[in-house]
Amino acid sequence: MYDYGKCHVCDTPIVEKTIQQDFWIKDKLVVIEKIPTGVCPQCGEKIVNAEVGQHLAKLLRDTNRIDRAPTISVPLIEYEGAVAV
């Protein structure tokens, strides 16, 4: 297990969790599952180590894999209402 150290935001020890993360690639939403990630239990800040970051970049460049991946449907809701100034 990777030692993520302490959170740079709130100085709480980081714990490793497996998460899913969404990315927007050329107007396409791509979700990657089972990413080993350091997560702060106090403030929620997330970090990945360099090896994981490089692998994520490789996955996101693989347009053939993205095109072949299963798709999911998500609700799309338009924001309606007054904006406080």
Protein backbone atom coordinates (compact mmCIF):
# COMPACT_ATOMS: atom_id res chain seq x y z
CA MET A 1 0.00 0.00 0.00
CA TYR A 2 1.28 3.46 -0.93
CA ASP A 3 2.03 5.99 1.85
CA TYR A 4 0.18 9.17 0.87
CA GLY A 5 1.29 11.08 3.95
CA LYS A 6 -0.88 13.88 5.30
CA CYS A 7 -3.46 15.99 3.52
CA HIS A 8 -2.00 19.26 2.22
CA VAL A 9 -5.34 20.97 2.93
CA CYS A 10 -6.09 19.97 6.55
CA ASP A 11 -3.03 17.94 7.67
CA THR A 12 -5.07 14.76 8.35
CA PRO A 13 -3.48 11.40 7.48
CA ILE A 14 -4.58 10.21 4.02
CA VAL A 15 -6.10 6.73 3.66
CA GLU A 16 -6.21 4.62 0.52
CA LYS A 17 -9.59 3.89 -1.02
CA THR A 18 -10.80 2.62 -4.36
CA ILE A 19 -12.90 5.22 -6.16
CA GLN A 20 -14.50 5.93 -9.48
CA GLN A 21 -13.72 9.23 -11.17
CA ASP A 22 -15.27 11.02 -14.10
CA PHE A 23 -13.33 12.82 -16.83
CA TRP A 24 -14.52 14.93 -19.77
CA ILE A 25 -12.63 13.96 -22.92
CA LYS A 26 -13.59 15.87 -26.09
CA ASP A 27 -17.16 16.48 -24.90
CA LYS A 28 -17.54 12.84 -23.83
CA LEU A 29 -17.99 11.84 -20.19
CA VAL A 30 -15.70 8.92 -19.30
CA VAL A 31 -15.89 7.19 -15.91
CA ILE A 32 -12.98 5.06 -14.68
CA GLU A 33 -13.68 2.62 -11.85
CA LYS A 34 -11.52 0.98 -9.19
CA ILE A 35 -8.84 3.69 -9.02
CA PRO A 36 -6.51 3.32 -6.01
CA THR A 37 -6.61 6.81 -4.51
CA GLY A 38 -5.49 8.58 -1.36
CA VAL A 39 -8.54 10.19 0.23
CA CYS A 40 -8.60 12.51 3.23
CA PRO A 41 -11.26 11.31 5.69
CA GLN A 42 -11.56 14.85 7.08
CA CYS A 43 -12.00 17.10 4.03
CA GLY A 44 -12.34 14.65 1.12
CA GLU A 45 -9.25 15.81 -0.80
CA LYS A 46 -8.11 13.12 -3.27
CA ILE A 47 -4.67 12.34 -4.67
CA VAL A 48 -3.14 9.56 -6.74
CA ASN A 49 0.49 8.51 -6.86
CA ALA A 50 2.56 9.08 -10.02
CA GLU A 51 2.22 5.50 -11.30
CA VAL A 52 -1.59 5.60 -11.03
CA GLY A 53 -1.67 9.06 -12.64
CA GLN A 54 0.40 7.82 -15.60
CA HIS A 55 -1.86 4.80 -16.02
CA LEU A 56 -4.97 7.02 -15.94
CA ALA A 57 -3.46 9.24 -18.64
CA LYS A 58 -2.75 6.16 -20.77
CA LEU A 59 -6.34 4.91 -20.36
CA LEU A 60 -7.76 8.30 -21.29
CA ARG A 61 -5.62 8.46 -24.47
CA ASP A 62 -6.87 5.02 -25.60
CA THR A 63 -9.77 6.14 -27.82
CA ASN A 64 -10.36 2.60 -29.11
CA ARG A 65 -10.86 1.31 -25.58
CA ILE A 66 -13.14 4.23 -24.74
CA ASP A 67 -15.23 3.62 -27.87
CA ARG A 68 -15.59 -0.11 -27.04
CA ALA A 69 -16.42 0.42 -23.36
CA PRO A 70 -19.95 -0.15 -22.07
CA THR A 71 -21.97 3.01 -21.63
CA ILE A 72 -24.24 4.19 -18.86
CA SER A 73 -27.13 6.63 -18.88
CA VAL A 74 -27.15 9.57 -16.49
CA PRO A 75 -29.86 12.14 -15.73
CA LEU A 76 -29.28 15.59 -17.20
CA ILE A 77 -31.09 18.35 -15.33
CA GLU A 78 -31.05 21.99 -16.35
CA TYR A 79 -30.50 24.56 -13.60
CA GLU A 80 -33.55 26.76 -13.33
CA GLY A 81 -34.04 29.49 -10.80
CA ALA A 82 -32.85 32.83 -9.60
CA VAL A 83 -29.18 33.35 -8.92
CA ALA A 84 -28.36 35.30 -5.75
CA VAL A 85 -25.96 38.15 -6.39
